[in-house]
PDB file of all heavy atoms in Angstrom:
ATOM      1  N   GLN A   1       0.829  -1.165  -0.049  1.00  0.00           N
ATOM      2  CA  GLN A   1       0.016  -0.026  -0.030  1.00  0.00           C
ATOM      3  C   GLN A   1       0.805   1.238  -0.003  1.00  0.00           C
ATOM      4  O   GLN A   1       0.542   2.240  -0.707  1.00  0.00           O
ATOM      5  CB  GLN A   1      -0.893  -0.031   1.219  1.00  0.00           C
ATOM      6  CG  GLN A   1      -2.017  -1.075   1.203  1.00  0.00           C
ATOM      7  CD  GLN A   1      -2.981  -0.816   0.015  1.00  0.00           C
ATOM      8  OE1 GLN A   1      -3.343   0.305  -0.273  1.00  0.00           O
ATOM      9  NE2 GLN A   1      -3.425  -1.955  -0.654  1.00  0.00           N
ATOM     10  N   LEU A   2       1.917   1.245   0.774  1.00  0.00           N
ATOM     11  CA  LEU A   2       2.836   2.459   0.701  1.00  0.00           C
ATOM     12  C   LEU A   2       3.524   2.623  -0.575  1.00  0.00           C
ATOM     13  O   LEU A   2       3.711   3.694  -1.059  1.00  0.00           O
ATOM     14  CB  LEU A   2       3.911   2.304   1.859  1.00  0.00           C
ATOM     15  CG  LEU A   2       3.390   2.284   3.302  1.00  0.00           C
ATOM     16  CD1 LEU A   2       4.489   1.959   4.288  1.00  0.00           C
ATOM     17  CD2 LEU A   2       2.864   3.613   3.632  1.00  0.00           C
ATOM     18  N   LEU A   3       3.827   1.467  -1.304  1.00  0.00           N
ATOM     19  CA  LEU A   3       4.470   1.532  -2.620  1.00  0.00           C
ATOM     20  C   LEU A   3       3.419   2.163  -3.651  1.00  0.00           C
ATOM     21  O   LEU A   3       3.824   2.935  -4.490  1.00  0.00           O
ATOM     22  CB  LEU A   3       4.922   0.251  -3.052  1.00  0.00           C
ATOM     23  CG  LEU A   3       6.234  -0.359  -2.470  1.00  0.00           C
ATOM     24  CD1 LEU A   3       6.503  -1.680  -3.028  1.00  0.00           C
ATOM     25  CD2 LEU A   3       7.368   0.556  -2.591  1.00  0.00           C
ATOM     26  N   LEU A   4       2.189   1.785  -3.550  1.00  0.00           N
ATOM     27  CA  LEU A   4       1.192   2.306  -4.493  1.00  0.00           C
ATOM     28  C   LEU A   4       0.995   3.764  -4.298  1.00  0.00           C
ATOM     29  O   LEU A   4       0.769   4.522  -5.230  1.00  0.00           O
ATOM     30  CB  LEU A   4      -0.151   1.528  -4.161  1.00  0.00           C
ATOM     31  CG  LEU A   4      -0.214   0.126  -4.671  1.00  0.00           C
ATOM     32  CD1 LEU A   4      -1.549  -0.577  -4.297  1.00  0.00           C
ATOM     33  CD2 LEU A   4       0.044  -0.047  -6.149  1.00  0.00           C
ATOM     34  N   GLN A   5       1.085   4.304  -3.009  1.00  0.00           N
ATOM     35  CA  GLN A   5       0.955   5.699  -2.788  1.00  0.00           C
ATOM     36  C   GLN A   5       2.214   6.507  -3.390  1.00  0.00           C
ATOM     37  O   GLN A   5       2.067   7.531  -3.945  1.00  0.00           O
ATOM     38  CB  GLN A   5       0.791   5.998  -1.294  1.00  0.00           C
ATOM     39  CG  GLN A   5      -0.464   5.466  -0.665  1.00  0.00           C
ATOM     40  CD  GLN A   5      -0.494   5.634   0.754  1.00  0.00           C
ATOM     41  OE1 GLN A   5       0.309   6.394   1.406  1.00  0.00           O
ATOM     42  NE2 GLN A   5      -1.569   4.974   1.496  1.00  0.00           N
ATOM     43  N   LYS A   6       3.355   5.852  -3.209  1.00  0.00           N
ATOM     44  CA  LYS A   6       4.597   6.458  -3.646  1.00  0.00           C
ATOM     45  C   LYS A   6       4.650   6.484  -5.186  1.00  0.00           C
ATOM     46  O   LYS A   6       5.280   7.321  -5.824  1.00  0.00           O
ATOM     47  CB  LYS A   6       5.793   5.700  -3.066  1.00  0.00           C
ATOM     48  CG  LYS A   6       7.183   6.303  -3.373  1.00  0.00           C
ATOM     49  CD  LYS A   6       7.444   7.492  -2.687  1.00  0.00           C
ATOM     50  CE  LYS A   6       8.844   8.033  -3.010  1.00  0.00           C
ATOM     51  NZ  LYS A   6       9.912   7.221  -2.524  1.00  0.00           N
ATOM     52  N   ALA A   7       3.959   5.426  -5.814  1.00  0.00           N
ATOM     53  CA  ALA A   7       3.997   5.359  -7.262  1.00  0.00           C
ATOM     54  C   ALA A   7       3.408   6.537  -8.002  1.00  0.00           C
ATOM     55  O   ALA A   7       3.717   6.898  -9.062  1.00  0.00           O
ATOM     56  CB  ALA A   7       3.350   4.063  -7.706  1.00  0.00           C
ATOM     57  N   LYS A   8       2.456   7.187  -7.277  1.00  0.00           N
ATOM     58  CA  LYS A   8       1.743   8.411  -7.856  1.00  0.00           C
ATOM     59  C   LYS A   8       2.774   9.510  -8.187  1.00  0.00           C
ATOM     60  O   LYS A   8       2.452  10.441  -8.963  1.00  0.00           O
ATOM     61  CB  LYS A   8       0.564   8.898  -7.102  1.00  0.00           C
ATOM     62  CG  LYS A   8      -0.419   7.760  -6.782  1.00  0.00           C
ATOM     63  CD  LYS A   8      -1.443   8.263  -5.752  1.00  0.00           C
ATOM     64  CE  LYS A   8      -2.480   7.211  -5.498  1.00  0.00           C
ATOM     65  NZ  LYS A   8      -3.484   7.567  -4.443  1.00  0.00           N
ATOM     66  N   THR A   9       3.890   9.554  -7.473  1.00  0.00           N
ATOM     67  CA  THR A   9       4.797  10.675  -7.621  1.00  0.00           C
ATOM     68  C   THR A   9       5.875  10.385  -8.707  1.00  0.00           C
ATOM     69  O   THR A   9       6.707  11.261  -8.979  1.00  0.00           O
ATOM     70  CB  THR A   9       5.506  10.910  -6.314  1.00  0.00           C
ATOM     71  OG1 THR A   9       6.322   9.764  -5.964  1.00  0.00           O
ATOM     72  CG2 THR A   9       4.590  11.212  -5.212  1.00  0.00           C
ATOM     73  N   LEU A  10       5.847   9.177  -9.325  1.00  0.00           N
ATOM     74  CA  LEU A  10       6.921   8.814 -10.320  1.00  0.00           C
ATOM     75  C   LEU A  10       6.356   9.201 -11.710  1.00  0.00           C
ATOM     76  O   LEU A  10       5.222   9.401 -11.982  1.00  0.00           O
ATOM     77  CB  LEU A  10       7.160   7.362 -10.196  1.00  0.00           C
ATOM     78  CG  LEU A  10       7.751   6.853  -8.891  1.00  0.00           C
ATOM     79  CD1 LEU A  10       7.911   5.276  -8.999  1.00  0.00           C
ATOM     80  CD2 LEU A  10       9.003   7.452  -8.515  1.00  0.00           C
ATOM     81  N   ASP A  11       7.409   9.209 -12.620  1.00  0.00           N
ATOM     82  CA  ASP A  11       7.070   9.475 -14.034  1.00  0.00           C
ATOM     83  C   ASP A  11       6.329   8.201 -14.633  1.00  0.00           C
ATOM     84  O   ASP A  11       6.370   7.063 -14.156  1.00  0.00           O
ATOM     85  CB  ASP A  11       8.310   9.766 -14.807  1.00  0.00           C
ATOM     86  CG  ASP A  11       9.297   8.650 -14.739  1.00  0.00           C
ATOM     87  OD1 ASP A  11      10.099   8.664 -13.741  1.00  0.00           O
ATOM     88  OD2 ASP A  11       9.303   7.744 -15.564  1.00  0.00           O
ATOM     89  N   SER A  12       5.672   8.435 -15.706  1.00  0.00           N
ATOM     90  CA  SER A  12       4.841   7.375 -16.348  1.00  0.00           C
ATOM     91  C   SER A  12       5.516   6.195 -16.744  1.00  0.00           C
ATOM     92  O   SER A  12       5.058   5.106 -16.845  1.00  0.00           O
ATOM     93  CB  SER A  12       3.886   8.036 -17.393  1.00  0.00           C
ATOM     94  OG  SER A  12       4.766   8.547 -18.425  1.00  0.00           O
ATOM     95  N   ALA A  13       6.780   6.374 -17.171  1.00  0.00           N
ATOM     96  CA  ALA A  13       7.619   5.212 -17.754  1.00  0.00           C
ATOM     97  C   ALA A  13       7.854   4.162 -16.672  1.00  0.00           C
ATOM     98  O   ALA A  13       7.798   3.015 -16.955  1.00  0.00           O
ATOM     99  CB  ALA A  13       8.904   5.788 -18.311  1.00  0.00           C
ATOM    100  N   ARG A  14       8.132   4.694 -15.472  1.00  0.00           N
ATOM    101  CA  ARG A  14       8.510   3.741 -14.444  1.00  0.00           C
ATOM    102  C   ARG A  14       7.416   3.363 -13.490  1.00  0.00           C
ATOM    103  O   ARG A  14       7.476   2.428 -12.680  1.00  0.00           O
ATOM    104  CB  ARG A  14       9.658   4.239 -13.593  1.00  0.00           C
ATOM    105  CG  ARG A  14      11.050   4.288 -14.348  1.00  0.00           C
ATOM    106  CD  ARG A  14      12.147   4.744 -13.428  1.00  0.00           C
ATOM    107  NE  ARG A  14      11.862   6.109 -12.879  1.00  0.00           N
ATOM    108  CZ  ARG A  14      12.512   6.672 -11.882  1.00  0.00           C
ATOM    109  NH1 ARG A  14      13.456   5.903 -11.228  1.00  0.00           N
ATOM    110  NH2 ARG A  14      12.266   7.849 -11.436  1.00  0.00           N
ATOM    111  N   GLN A  15       6.347   4.089 -13.585  1.00  0.00           N
ATOM    112  CA  GLN A  15       5.155   3.928 -12.645  1.00  0.00           C
ATOM    113  C   GLN A  15       4.596   2.529 -12.708  1.00  0.00           C
ATOM    114  O   GLN A  15       4.308   1.873 -11.707  1.00  0.00           O
ATOM    115  CB  GLN A  15       4.092   4.931 -12.931  1.00  0.00           C
ATOM    116  CG  GLN A  15       3.132   4.991 -11.792  1.00  0.00           C
ATOM    117  CD  GLN A  15       2.098   6.195 -11.998  1.00  0.00           C
ATOM    118  OE1 GLN A  15       0.942   5.968 -12.272  1.00  0.00           O
ATOM    119  NE2 GLN A  15       2.553   7.438 -11.955  1.00  0.00           N
ATOM    120  N   GLY A  16       4.433   2.017 -13.937  1.00  0.00           N
ATOM    121  CA  GLY A  16       3.785   0.724 -14.045  1.00  0.00           C
ATOM    122  C   GLY A  16       4.662  -0.390 -13.361  1.00  0.00           C
ATOM    123  O   GLY A  16       4.144  -1.309 -12.670  1.00  0.00           O
ATOM    124  N   ALA A  17       6.005  -0.447 -13.764  1.00  0.00           N
ATOM    125  CA  ALA A  17       6.877  -1.425 -13.133  1.00  0.00           C
ATOM    126  C   ALA A  17       7.062  -1.291 -11.612  1.00  0.00           C
ATOM    127  O   ALA A  17       7.086  -2.286 -10.867  1.00  0.00           O
ATOM    128  CB  ALA A  17       8.228  -1.355 -13.708  1.00  0.00           C
ATOM    129  N   TYR A  18       6.873   0.038 -11.136  1.00  0.00           N
ATOM    130  CA  TYR A  18       6.942   0.264  -9.636  1.00  0.00           C
ATOM    131  C   TYR A  18       5.694  -0.304  -9.015  1.00  0.00           C
ATOM    132  O   TYR A  18       5.824  -1.012  -7.908  1.00  0.00           O
ATOM    133  CB  TYR A  18       7.045   1.730  -9.375  1.00  0.00           C
ATOM    134  CG  TYR A  18       7.408   2.181  -8.037  1.00  0.00           C
ATOM    135  CD1 TYR A  18       8.708   2.221  -7.594  1.00  0.00           C
ATOM    136  CD2 TYR A  18       6.416   2.433  -7.062  1.00  0.00           C
ATOM    137  CE1 TYR A  18       9.072   2.651  -6.334  1.00  0.00           C
ATOM    138  CE2 TYR A  18       6.730   2.743  -5.780  1.00  0.00           C
ATOM    139  CZ  TYR A  18       8.037   2.907  -5.390  1.00  0.00           C
ATOM    140  OH  TYR A  18       8.326   3.258  -4.195  1.00  0.00           O
ATOM    141  N   ARG A  19       4.552  -0.176  -9.684  1.00  0.00           N
ATOM    142  CA  ARG A  19       3.285  -0.700  -9.112  1.00  0.00           C
ATOM    143  C   ARG A  19       3.377  -2.261  -9.132  1.00  0.00           C
ATOM    144  O   ARG A  19       2.801  -2.921  -8.274  1.00  0.00           O
ATOM    145  CB  ARG A  19       2.125  -0.248  -9.883  1.00  0.00           C
ATOM    146  CG  ARG A  19       1.735   1.123  -9.612  1.00  0.00           C
ATOM    147  CD  ARG A  19       0.733   1.584 -10.656  1.00  0.00           C
ATOM    148  NE  ARG A  19       0.191   2.928 -10.371  1.00  0.00           N
ATOM    149  CZ  ARG A  19      -0.828   3.233  -9.518  1.00  0.00           C
ATOM    150  NH1 ARG A  19      -1.411   2.323  -8.873  1.00  0.00           N
ATOM    151  NH2 ARG A  19      -1.216   4.497  -9.339  1.00  0.00           N
ATOM    152  N   ALA A  20       4.091  -2.869 -10.126  1.00  0.00           N
ATOM    153  CA  ALA A  20       4.180  -4.337 -10.259  1.00  0.00           C
ATOM    154  C   ALA A  20       4.828  -4.901  -9.056  1.00  0.00           C
ATOM    155  O   ALA A  20       4.499  -6.056  -8.650  1.00  0.00           O
ATOM    156  CB  ALA A  20       4.897  -4.677 -11.517  1.00  0.00           C
ATOM    157  N   VAL A  21       5.737  -4.159  -8.438  1.00  0.00           N
ATOM    158  CA  VAL A  21       6.393  -4.705  -7.207  1.00  0.00           C
ATOM    159  C   VAL A  21       5.346  -4.785  -6.024  1.00  0.00           C
ATOM    160  O   VAL A  21       5.318  -5.794  -5.364  1.00  0.00           O
ATOM    161  CB  VAL A  21       7.627  -3.789  -6.819  1.00  0.00           C
ATOM    162  CG1 VAL A  21       8.188  -4.354  -5.509  1.00  0.00           C
ATOM    163  CG2 VAL A  21       8.718  -3.770  -7.866  1.00  0.00           C
ATOM    164  N   ALA A  22       4.535  -3.837  -5.932  1.00  0.00           N
ATOM    165  CA  ALA A  22       3.476  -3.849  -4.928  1.00  0.00           C
ATOM    166  C   ALA A  22       2.477  -4.941  -5.092  1.00  0.00           C
ATOM    167  O   ALA A  22       2.118  -5.709  -4.173  1.00  0.00           O
ATOM    168  CB  ALA A  22       2.724  -2.566  -4.906  1.00  0.00           C
ATOM    169  N   THR A  23       2.184  -5.189  -6.426  1.00  0.00           N
ATOM    170  CA  THR A  23       1.241  -6.349  -6.752  1.00  0.00           C
ATOM    171  C   THR A  23       2.021  -7.703  -6.434  1.00  0.00           C
ATOM    172  O   THR A  23       1.340  -8.582  -5.979  1.00  0.00           O
ATOM    173  CB  THR A  23       0.907  -6.308  -8.216  1.00  0.00           C
ATOM    174  OG1 THR A  23       0.350  -4.952  -8.543  1.00  0.00           O
ATOM    175  CG2 THR A  23      -0.182  -7.398  -8.569  1.00  0.00           C
ATOM    176  N   ALA A  24       3.248  -7.817  -6.754  1.00  0.00           N
ATOM    177  CA  ALA A  24       3.984  -9.075  -6.565  1.00  0.00           C
ATOM    178  C   ALA A  24       4.074  -9.382  -5.093  1.00  0.00           C
ATOM    179  O   ALA A  24       4.096 -10.559  -4.693  1.00  0.00           O
ATOM    180  CB  ALA A  24       5.403  -9.037  -7.171  1.00  0.00           C
TER     181      ALA A  24
END
């Protein structure tokens, strides 16, 4: 959940892969 909140501040290129860690 903390990673999903932090992902909103990232650029669009890396945001999806960053969210994938939270899902994993």
